[in-house]
Protein backbone atom coordinates (compact mmCIF):
# COMPACT_ATOMS: atom_id res chain seq x y z
CA MET A 1 33.63 19.32 -35.93
CA GLY A 2 31.77 17.35 -38.98
CA LYS A 3 28.44 16.69 -39.86
CA LYS A 4 28.69 13.64 -39.57
CA GLU A 5 29.93 13.45 -35.97
CA TRP A 6 27.46 16.14 -35.30
CA LYS A 7 24.57 13.85 -35.86
CA ILE A 8 25.90 11.36 -33.45
CA GLU A 9 26.16 13.27 -30.68
CA GLN A 10 23.17 14.96 -31.26
CA LYS A 11 21.01 11.65 -31.25
CA ALA A 12 23.70 10.41 -28.18
CA ALA A 13 22.27 13.58 -26.37
CA GLY A 14 18.58 12.90 -27.37
CA LEU A 15 18.99 8.85 -26.47
CA LEU A 16 19.77 10.31 -23.33
CA ALA A 17 17.46 12.75 -22.15
CA VAL A 18 15.04 9.97 -22.63
CA LEU A 19 16.44 7.78 -20.52
CA ILE A 20 16.80 10.30 -17.73
CA LEU A 21 12.65 10.84 -18.09
CA GLU A 22 11.83 7.66 -17.94
CA GLY A 23 14.16 7.16 -15.07
CA ALA A 24 12.36 9.71 -13.49
CA LEU A 25 9.32 9.00 -14.17
CA LEU A 26 9.67 4.51 -13.52
CA GLY A 27 11.43 5.71 -9.80
CA THR A 28 7.88 7.97 -9.09
CA ALA A 29 6.33 5.12 -9.86
CA GLY A 30 7.87 1.88 -8.27
CA GLY A 31 8.05 4.44 -4.98
CA ILE A 32 4.28 3.95 -3.98
CA LEU A 33 3.98 0.35 -4.79
CA ARG A 34 7.13 -1.02 -4.47
CA TYR A 35 9.61 0.08 -1.56
CA GLY A 36 12.93 -1.89 -0.74
CA ALA A 37 13.71 -3.68 2.53
CA GLY A 38 14.94 -0.64 4.96
CA SER A 39 13.91 2.48 3.38
CA ARG A 40 11.12 4.43 4.92
CA PRO A 41 8.05 3.85 3.23
CA GLN A 42 6.24 6.31 4.99
CA GLU A 43 8.03 9.24 3.20
CA ALA A 44 9.46 10.64 -0.55
CA PHE A 45 7.56 8.01 -2.01
CA TYR A 46 7.60 10.40 -5.23
CA THR A 47 11.23 11.38 -5.21
CA ALA A 48 13.13 9.03 -7.39
CA MET A 49 16.04 8.64 -5.71
CA ASP A 50 14.49 7.16 -3.37
CA THR A 51 13.44 3.99 -4.66
CA PRO A 52 14.54 0.52 -4.71
CA GLY A 53 16.24 1.51 -8.33
CA HIS A 54 18.48 4.16 -6.56
CA GLU A 55 19.55 2.30 -3.40
CA GLU A 56 22.47 0.57 -2.97
CA GLY A 57 23.38 -3.21 -4.66
CA ALA A 58 19.46 -3.08 -5.43
CA GLY A 59 18.33 -5.10 -8.28
CA GLY A 60 16.53 -3.37 -11.75
CA TYR A 61 12.99 -2.83 -11.68
CA CYS A 62 10.86 -6.27 -13.34
CA ASP A 63 9.15 -6.19 -16.87
CA GLU A 64 5.74 -4.62 -14.80
CA HIS A 65 7.23 -1.47 -14.52
CA GLN A 66 5.78 0.51 -17.28
CA ALA A 67 2.67 -0.57 -15.93
CA GLU A 68 3.23 0.97 -12.31
CA ALA A 69 4.47 3.83 -14.32
CA LYS A 70 0.59 4.30 -15.53
CA THR A 71 -1.08 3.40 -12.10
CA ALA A 72 2.01 5.86 -10.36
CA LEU A 73 0.29 8.78 -12.89
CA ARG A 74 -3.63 8.23 -12.29
CA ARG A 75 -2.92 8.20 -8.47
CA GLU A 76 -1.39 11.84 -9.09
CA ALA A 77 -4.19 12.37 -10.70
CA LYS A 78 -6.85 11.53 -8.19
CA LYS A 79 -4.73 13.76 -5.99
CA GLU A 80 -7.05 16.97 -6.87
CA GLN A 81 -10.01 14.94 -6.69
CA GLY A 82 -10.08 14.86 -1.94
CA VAL A 83 -9.69 11.58 -1.98
CA VAL A 84 -7.64 8.82 0.46
CA ALA A 85 -7.36 5.24 1.27
CA LEU A 86 -8.11 3.36 4.49
CA THR A 87 -6.13 0.89 5.25
CA PHE A 88 -6.16 -1.59 8.50
CA ASP A 89 -3.33 -4.11 8.80
CA ASP A 90 -2.86 -7.62 11.01
CA GLY A 91 -6.62 -8.30 11.84
CA PRO A 92 -9.62 -9.46 12.01
CA HIS A 93 -9.96 -9.35 15.63
CA GLU A 94 -13.06 -10.40 17.05
CA VAL A 95 -13.71 -7.58 18.73
CA TYR A 96 -11.54 -4.72 17.26
CA THR A 97 -12.54 -5.47 13.85
CA ALA A 98 -16.54 -5.95 14.25
CA LYS A 99 -16.87 -2.27 16.32
CA LEU A 100 -14.88 -0.45 12.87
CA LEU A 101 -17.08 -3.08 9.97
CA GLU A 102 -19.91 -0.95 11.67
CA GLY A 103 -19.33 2.32 11.83
CA LEU A 104 -17.36 2.02 8.43
CA LYS A 105 -20.75 0.86 7.49
CA LYS A 106 -22.83 3.14 9.47
CA ARG A 107 -20.87 6.04 7.91
CA GLY A 108 -21.14 4.77 4.41
CA VAL A 109 -17.72 4.40 4.02
CA LYS A 110 -14.86 1.28 2.77
CA ALA A 111 -11.38 0.22 3.29
CA THR A 112 -8.99 -2.13 2.65
CA PHE A 113 -8.16 -4.24 5.21
CA PHE A 114 -4.55 -6.77 5.21
CA LEU A 115 -5.10 -9.81 7.17
CA MET A 116 -2.73 -11.90 9.01
CA GLY A 117 -3.52 -15.65 8.29
CA GLN A 118 -3.05 -16.86 11.63
CA ASN A 119 -5.30 -14.49 13.19
CA ILE A 120 -8.16 -15.60 10.41
CA GLU A 121 -9.48 -19.03 12.07
CA GLY A 122 -12.48 -18.49 14.34
CA LYS A 123 -13.00 -15.02 12.63
CA GLU A 124 -14.51 -16.49 9.06
CA GLU A 125 -17.81 -14.45 9.48
CA LEU A 126 -15.97 -11.41 10.38
CA ILE A 127 -14.30 -11.76 6.90
CA ARG A 128 -17.38 -12.34 5.27
CA ARG A 129 -19.06 -9.52 6.69
CA MET A 130 -15.56 -6.83 5.14
CA GLN A 131 -17.08 -8.47 1.84
CA GLU A 132 -20.44 -8.20 1.99
CA ASP A 133 -19.63 -4.67 2.96
CA GLY A 134 -17.50 -3.52 -0.01
CA HIS A 135 -13.86 -3.12 1.65
CA LEU A 136 -11.28 -4.27 -0.08
CA ILE A 137 -9.33 -7.44 1.46
CA GLY A 138 -5.76 -8.18 1.27
CA ASN A 139 -2.65 -10.32 2.47
CA HIS A 140 -1.14 -9.40 5.06
CA SER A 141 1.34 -12.87 4.89
CA TYR A 142 1.00 -15.58 7.81
CA ARG A 143 2.72 -14.17 10.21
CA HIS A 144 4.61 -10.70 11.19
CA ILE A 145 7.92 -10.92 10.69
CA PRO A 146 10.37 -8.96 8.02
CA LEU A 147 10.20 -10.57 4.89
CA THR A 148 13.96 -10.37 4.22
CA LYS A 149 14.91 -11.66 5.69
CA ALA A 150 12.64 -14.95 6.12
CA GLY A 151 14.46 -16.53 2.56
CA GLU A 152 12.06 -16.77 -1.13
CA GLU A 153 10.91 -20.12 -0.69
CA THR A 154 9.46 -19.24 3.66
CA VAL A 155 7.52 -15.88 2.00
CA CYS A 156 6.51 -17.83 -0.94
CA GLU A 157 4.48 -20.05 0.74
CA ALA A 158 3.50 -17.61 3.68
CA VAL A 159 1.57 -15.84 1.00
CA GLU A 160 0.91 -18.03 -0.33
CA ARG A 161 -1.07 -19.81 2.23
CA THR A 162 -2.45 -17.09 3.34
CA GLU A 163 -4.06 -15.97 0.04
CA GLU A 164 -5.58 -20.04 0.00
CA ILE A 165 -6.96 -19.17 3.48
CA ILE A 166 -9.08 -16.28 2.35
CA GLN A 167 -10.02 -17.10 -0.96
CA GLY A 168 -11.32 -20.35 0.99
CA ILE A 169 -13.84 -18.59 3.00
CA THR A 170 -14.38 -15.15 -0.13
CA GLY A 171 -14.27 -17.44 -3.07
CA GLU A 172 -11.87 -14.75 -4.61
CA ARG A 173 -8.13 -14.34 -4.70
CA PRO A 174 -6.87 -11.64 -3.25
CA GLN A 175 -4.84 -9.65 -5.40
CA TYR A 176 -3.22 -6.94 -3.23
CA LEU A 177 -0.24 -7.82 -0.40
CA ARG A 178 1.44 -5.04 2.59
CA PRO A 179 4.45 -6.76 3.99
CA PRO A 180 4.68 -6.83 7.60
CA TYR A 181 7.27 -3.54 8.29
CA GLY A 182 7.13 -2.84 4.35
CA ASP A 183 10.13 -4.67 4.33
CA TRP A 184 10.15 -5.98 0.92
CA ASN A 185 12.75 -6.45 -2.01
CA GLU A 186 12.85 -6.66 -5.62
CA ASN A 187 13.61 -10.65 -5.96
CA LEU A 188 9.96 -10.90 -4.05
CA GLU A 189 8.15 -8.61 -6.37
CA CYS A 190 9.27 -9.98 -9.46
CA ARG A 191 8.21 -13.78 -7.51
CA MET A 192 4.60 -12.73 -6.18
CA ASP A 193 1.33 -12.30 -8.89
CA MET A 194 0.44 -9.33 -6.50
CA THR A 195 0.91 -5.83 -6.05
CA THR A 196 2.38 -4.24 -3.39
CA VAL A 197 0.97 -1.49 -1.30
CA PHE A 198 2.85 0.48 0.71
CA TRP A 199 1.60 4.11 2.30
CA SER A 200 2.00 7.59 2.65
CA VAL A 201 0.76 8.18 5.98
CA ASP A 202 1.41 5.99 9.80
CA SER A 203 -0.68 6.66 11.77
CA LEU A 204 1.89 5.52 14.57
CA ASP A 205 -1.66 4.07 16.24
CA TRP A 206 0.72 0.76 17.48
CA LYS A 207 2.91 3.68 18.95
CA LEU A 208 0.92 6.02 20.20
CA LYS A 209 -2.76 3.92 21.76
CA GLU A 210 -3.97 7.44 22.25
CA THR A 211 -7.52 8.24 19.94
CA GLY A 212 -6.49 11.95 20.32
CA LYS A 213 -2.81 11.81 19.21
CA ILE A 214 -3.63 9.08 16.55
CA VAL A 215 -5.78 11.20 14.98
CA GLU A 216 -4.30 14.86 15.30
CA ASN A 217 -1.18 13.12 13.90
CA VAL A 218 -2.33 11.95 10.68
CA GLU A 219 -4.53 15.47 10.20
CA ASN A 220 -1.53 17.13 10.46
CA LYS A 221 0.15 14.78 7.87
CA ILE A 222 -3.12 14.00 5.18
CA HIS A 223 -3.85 15.84 1.56
CA SER A 224 -5.57 13.67 -1.07
CA GLY A 225 -4.69 10.41 -2.50
CA ASP A 226 -2.79 9.78 0.23
CA ILE A 227 -3.17 6.07 2.10
CA ILE A 228 -3.20 5.73 5.91
CA LEU A 229 -1.78 2.90 7.66
CA MET A 230 -3.93 1.74 10.64
CA HIS A 231 -4.00 -1.37 12.59
CA ASP A 232 -8.14 -3.21 13.66
CA ILE A 233 -5.77 -4.72 17.15
CA PHE A 234 -6.39 -2.12 19.13
CA PRO A 235 -10.03 -0.16 20.97
CA THR A 236 -8.14 3.50 20.29
CA SER A 237 -7.25 2.95 16.53
CA VAL A 238 -11.09 2.08 15.58
CA GLU A 239 -12.11 4.73 18.04
CA ALA A 240 -9.12 7.33 16.01
CA ALA A 241 -10.32 5.44 12.88
CA LEU A 242 -13.80 6.33 12.81
CA GLU A 243 -13.18 9.67 14.29
CA LEU A 244 -11.14 10.91 12.01
CA VAL A 245 -13.66 9.08 8.71
CA ASP A 246 -16.22 12.41 10.45
CA ARG A 247 -13.04 14.73 10.73
CA LEU A 248 -12.35 13.98 7.08
CA GLN A 249 -15.42 13.99 6.01
CA ALA A 250 -16.12 17.19 6.93
CA LYS A 251 -13.52 18.90 5.24
CA GLY A 252 -14.93 17.37 2.05
CA TYR A 253 -12.94 13.62 1.94
CA GLN A 254 -14.35 10.71 0.15
CA PHE A 255 -13.07 7.49 1.50
CA VAL A 256 -11.50 4.77 -1.50
CA THR A 257 -10.33 1.30 -0.79
CA VAL A 258 -6.73 0.90 -2.65
CA GLU A 259 -8.11 -0.62 -5.86
CA GLU A 260 -10.34 2.71 -6.20
CA LEU A 261 -7.49 5.28 -5.58
CA LEU A 262 -4.54 2.67 -7.56
CA ILE A 263 -6.21 1.95 -10.82
CA ASP A 264 -8.79 4.19 -12.67
């Protein structure tokens, strides 16, 4: 082999190594912020091969993937700091959300609430209370339906409708979105000017509906840097959430909002 041919092969090998490294980094970033339809967002968040870009028939990443890679790295760094994010979907509920807010305030804990548009009317004061207490308010679309099956225009309208309702109450536009069922894809991602957030620990509170079992399930899985999925529409979920706060605080964990966990 001549010297010229050897140099070309050397450059090609170097380029391939860079592409492989970049692909692994972007795969890690995509897992926590965006997970494709039909996947398991509560599992394998840090495995590059499980991200949407590697699924059969999946599209490529949006232009903001480099920023997401940096966000994932910041989150990885926070794993060593003993912090977790407690998140609640499907509310607000006039009784259980109120009890949860009272319990969190008593414990000095900030959480993230992904609100469902159809559940907001008549509970505006609860949402103002969330804001006053320092909780992060996110968007959970208008109804609890799989978004990838609804059509892009319908999804955009549902998310924007909920966004307008929340902004009308708080004066602030929600920056974070959690799709119902974690059902999402790259086409929807590229159309939404929001950060989609999934979870790394599913409490299964909607299924277990027993305080002790919910607490045990989360405690057996929890690690620093995790995002915990819960719902503020069941009494057992609220009881379990407050008991979890007490137990995890006793172990040295700090509770932060999703924004504080993902961004410096």
